Amino acid sequence: MKYLITLLVLSTAFLLTACNTVKGMGQDIQKAGEKIEGAAKK
């Protein structure tokens, strides 16, 4: 259980530092969605 919580905390910290802002995270998610949509259209 401790391992799972530690992994969750580290993953969250990594995502927040990678995006720096909520706006940046939203843009990252939007870009990922566009790539998935493009792959689905092929």
PDB file of N, CA and C in Angstrom:
ATOM      1  N   MET A   1       0.825  -1.193   0.000  1.00  0.00           N
ATOM      2  CA  MET A   1       0.000   0.000   0.000  1.00  0.00           C
ATOM      3  C   MET A   1       0.873   1.262   0.000  1.00  0.00           C
ATOM      4  N   LYS A   2       1.944   1.234   0.795  1.00  0.00           N
ATOM      5  CA  LYS A   2       2.843   2.389   0.836  1.00  0.00           C
ATOM      6  C   LYS A   2       3.487   2.620  -0.526  1.00  0.00           C
ATOM      7  N   TYR A   3       3.818   1.522  -1.207  1.00  0.00           N
ATOM      8  CA  TYR A   3       4.422   1.621  -2.536  1.00  0.00           C
ATOM      9  C   TYR A   3       3.473   2.315  -3.508  1.00  0.00           C
ATOM     10  N   LEU A   4       2.209   1.960  -3.470  1.00  0.00           N
ATOM     11  CA  LEU A   4       1.208   2.542  -4.353  1.00  0.00           C
ATOM     12  C   LEU A   4       1.027   4.036  -4.077  1.00  0.00           C
ATOM     13  N   ILE A   5       0.968   4.416  -2.825  1.00  0.00           N
ATOM     14  CA  ILE A   5       0.819   5.826  -2.464  1.00  0.00           C
ATOM     15  C   ILE A   5       2.053   6.619  -2.896  1.00  0.00           C
ATOM     16  N   THR A   6       3.238   6.055  -2.672  1.00  0.00           N
ATOM     17  CA  THR A   6       4.474   6.724  -3.081  1.00  0.00           C
ATOM     18  C   THR A   6       4.510   6.909  -4.594  1.00  0.00           C
ATOM     19  N   LEU A   7       4.129   5.901  -5.317  1.00  0.00           N
ATOM     20  CA  LEU A   7       4.096   5.978  -6.776  1.00  0.00           C
ATOM     21  C   LEU A   7       3.104   7.040  -7.246  1.00  0.00           C
ATOM     22  N   LEU A   8       1.954   7.099  -6.624  1.00  0.00           N
ATOM     23  CA  LEU A   8       0.941   8.091  -6.976  1.00  0.00           C
ATOM     24  C   LEU A   8       1.436   9.514  -6.708  1.00  0.00           C
ATOM     25  N   VAL A   9       2.060   9.728  -5.566  1.00  0.00           N
ATOM     26  CA  VAL A   9       2.578  11.051  -5.217  1.00  0.00           C
ATOM     27  C   VAL A   9       3.682  11.469  -6.178  1.00  0.00           C
ATOM     28  N   LEU A  10       4.602  10.578  -6.479  1.00  0.00           N
ATOM     29  CA  LEU A  10       5.691  10.892  -7.400  1.00  0.00           C
ATOM     30  C   LEU A  10       5.176  11.160  -8.811  1.00  0.00           C
ATOM     31  N   SER A  11       4.199  10.399  -9.249  1.00  0.00           N
ATOM     32  CA  SER A  11       3.614  10.611 -10.580  1.00  0.00           C
ATOM     33  C   SER A  11       2.935  11.971 -10.658  1.00  0.00           C
ATOM     34  N   THR A  12       2.205  12.321  -9.632  1.00  0.00           N
ATOM     35  CA  THR A  12       1.525  13.610  -9.598  1.00  0.00           C
ATOM     36  C   THR A  12       2.540  14.750  -9.601  1.00  0.00           C
ATOM     37  N   ALA A  13       3.582  14.631  -8.800  1.00  0.00           N
ATOM     38  CA  ALA A  13       4.615  15.663  -8.740  1.00  0.00           C
ATOM     39  C   ALA A  13       5.296  15.814 -10.096  1.00  0.00           C
ATOM     40  N   PHE A  14       5.577  14.698 -10.750  1.00  0.00           N
ATOM     41  CA  PHE A  14       6.216  14.745 -12.064  1.00  0.00           C
ATOM     42  C   PHE A  14       5.322  15.441 -13.076  1.00  0.00           C
ATOM     43  N   LEU A  15       4.046  15.116 -13.077  1.00  0.00           N
ATOM     44  CA  LEU A  15       3.118  15.738 -14.023  1.00  0.00           C
ATOM     45  C   LEU A  15       2.990  17.236 -13.778  1.00  0.00           C
ATOM     46  N   LEU A  16       2.929  17.632 -12.525  1.00  0.00           N
ATOM     47  CA  LEU A  16       2.782  19.052 -12.210  1.00  0.00           C
ATOM     48  C   LEU A  16       4.033  19.843 -12.578  1.00  0.00           C
ATOM     49  N   THR A  17       5.194  19.269 -12.381  1.00  0.00           N
ATOM     50  CA  THR A  17       6.419  19.989 -12.728  1.00  0.00           C
ATOM     51  C   THR A  17       6.642  19.979 -14.233  1.00  0.00           C
ATOM     52  N   ALA A  18       6.175  18.963 -14.907  1.00  0.00           N
ATOM     53  CA  ALA A  18       6.351  18.892 -16.356  1.00  0.00           C
ATOM     54  C   ALA A  18       5.485  19.929 -17.058  1.00  0.00           C
ATOM     55  N   CYS A  19       4.333  20.205 -16.538  1.00  0.00           N
ATOM     56  CA  CYS A  19       3.406  21.125 -17.186  1.00  0.00           C
ATOM     57  C   CYS A  19       3.504  22.552 -16.644  1.00  0.00           C
ATOM     58  N   ASN A  20       3.981  22.696 -15.421  1.00  0.00           N
ATOM     59  CA  ASN A  20       4.144  23.974 -14.734  1.00  0.00           C
ATOM     60  C   ASN A  20       2.836  24.655 -14.360  1.00  0.00           C
ATOM     61  N   THR A  21       1.822  24.616 -15.193  1.00  0.00           N
ATOM     62  CA  THR A  21       0.571  25.294 -14.876  1.00  0.00           C
ATOM     63  C   THR A  21      -0.603  24.416 -15.272  1.00  0.00           C
ATOM     64  N   VAL A  22      -1.752  24.751 -14.760  1.00  0.00           N
ATOM     65  CA  VAL A  22      -2.974  24.029 -15.134  1.00  0.00           C
ATOM     66  C   VAL A  22      -3.258  24.245 -16.613  1.00  0.00           C
ATOM     67  N   LYS A  23      -3.004  25.451 -17.098  1.00  0.00           N
ATOM     68  CA  LYS A  23      -3.210  25.749 -18.519  1.00  0.00           C
ATOM     69  C   LYS A  23      -2.307  24.872 -19.379  1.00  0.00           C
ATOM     70  N   GLY A  24      -1.074  24.738 -18.975  1.00  0.00           N
ATOM     71  CA  GLY A  24      -0.132  23.892 -19.713  1.00  0.00           C
ATOM     72  C   GLY A  24      -0.569  22.437 -19.712  1.00  0.00           C
ATOM     73  N   MET A  25      -1.086  21.976 -18.584  1.00  0.00           N
ATOM     74  CA  MET A  25      -1.564  20.599 -18.508  1.00  0.00           C
ATOM     75  C   MET A  25      -2.757  20.411 -19.432  1.00  0.00           C
ATOM     76  N   GLY A  26      -3.644  21.404 -19.484  1.00  0.00           N
ATOM     77  CA  GLY A  26      -4.795  21.323 -20.386  1.00  0.00           C
ATOM     78  C   GLY A  26      -4.362  21.263 -21.833  1.00  0.00           C
ATOM     79  N   GLN A  27      -3.341  22.025 -22.184  1.00  0.00           N
ATOM     80  CA  GLN A  27      -2.824  22.002 -23.558  1.00  0.00           C
ATOM     81  C   GLN A  27      -2.207  20.651 -23.876  1.00  0.00           C
ATOM     82  N   ASP A  28      -1.487  20.071 -22.924  1.00  0.00           N
ATOM     83  CA  ASP A  28      -0.888  18.756 -23.128  1.00  0.00           C
ATOM     84  C   ASP A  28      -1.966  17.703 -23.358  1.00  0.00           C
ATOM     85  N   ILE A  29      -3.028  17.762 -22.558  1.00  0.00           N
ATOM     86  CA  ILE A  29      -4.126  16.796 -22.694  1.00  0.00           C
ATOM     87  C   ILE A  29      -4.826  16.984 -24.033  1.00  0.00           C
ATOM     88  N   GLN A  30      -5.000  18.229 -24.448  1.00  0.00           N
ATOM     89  CA  GLN A  30      -5.638  18.512 -25.730  1.00  0.00           C
ATOM     90  C   GLN A  30      -4.805  17.963 -26.883  1.00  0.00           C
ATOM     91  N   LYS A  31      -3.499  18.151 -26.835  1.00  0.00           N
ATOM     92  CA  LYS A  31      -2.626  17.643 -27.894  1.00  0.00           C
ATOM     93  C   LYS A  31      -2.676  16.124 -27.950  1.00  0.00           C
ATOM     94  N   ALA A  32      -2.692  15.480 -26.794  1.00  0.00           N
ATOM     95  CA  ALA A  32      -2.777  14.022 -26.756  1.00  0.00           C
ATOM     96  C   ALA A  32      -4.099  13.557 -27.357  1.00  0.00           C
ATOM     97  N   GLY A  33      -5.183  14.260 -27.038  1.00  0.00           N
ATOM     98  CA  GLY A  33      -6.494  13.910 -27.598  1.00  0.00           C
ATOM     99  C   GLY A  33      -6.527  14.070 -29.105  1.00  0.00           C
ATOM    100  N   GLU A  34      -5.881  15.118 -29.610  1.00  0.00           N
ATOM    101  CA  GLU A  34      -5.837  15.333 -31.053  1.00  0.00           C
ATOM    102  C   GLU A  34      -5.060  14.216 -31.747  1.00  0.00           C
ATOM    103  N   LYS A  35      -3.983  13.757 -31.140  1.00  0.00           N
ATOM    104  CA  LYS A  35      -3.200  12.664 -31.736  1.00  0.00           C
ATOM    105  C   LYS A  35      -4.006  11.368 -31.746  1.00  0.00           C
ATOM    106  N   ILE A  36      -4.723  11.117 -30.661  1.00  0.00           N
ATOM    107  CA  ILE A  36      -5.552   9.918 -30.604  1.00  0.00           C
ATOM    108  C   ILE A  36      -6.664   9.999 -31.652  1.00  0.00           C
ATOM    109  N   GLU A  37      -7.259  11.178 -31.787  1.00  0.00           N
ATOM    110  CA  GLU A  37      -8.324  11.373 -32.768  1.00  0.00           C
ATOM    111  C   GLU A  37      -7.783  11.159 -34.184  1.00  0.00           C
ATOM    112  N   GLY A  38      -6.605  11.695 -34.454  1.00  0.00           N
ATOM    113  CA  GLY A  38      -5.987  11.524 -35.769  1.00  0.00           C
ATOM    114  C   GLY A  38      -5.688  10.066 -36.060  1.00  0.00           C
ATOM    115  N   ALA A  39      -5.232   9.331 -35.061  1.00  0.00           N
ATOM    116  CA  ALA A  39      -4.948   7.918 -35.249  1.00  0.00           C
ATOM    117  C   ALA A  39      -6.233   7.126 -35.490  1.00  0.00           C
ATOM    118  N   ALA A  40      -7.315   7.534 -34.853  1.00  0.00           N
ATOM    119  CA  ALA A  40      -8.590   6.846 -35.022  1.00  0.00           C
ATOM    120  C   ALA A  40      -9.166   7.071 -36.415  1.00  0.00           C
ATOM    121  N   LYS A  41      -8.874   8.219 -37.017  1.00  0.00           N
ATOM    122  CA  LYS A  41      -9.402   8.516 -38.348  1.00  0.00           C
ATOM    123  C   LYS A  41      -8.686   7.739 -39.448  1.00  0.00           C
ATOM    124  N   LYS A  42      -7.464   7.267 -39.158  1.00  0.00           N
ATOM    125  CA  LYS A  42      -6.688   6.537 -40.173  1.00  0.00           C
ATOM    126  C   LYS A  42      -7.227   5.190 -40.475  1.00  0.00           C
TER     127      LYS A  42
END
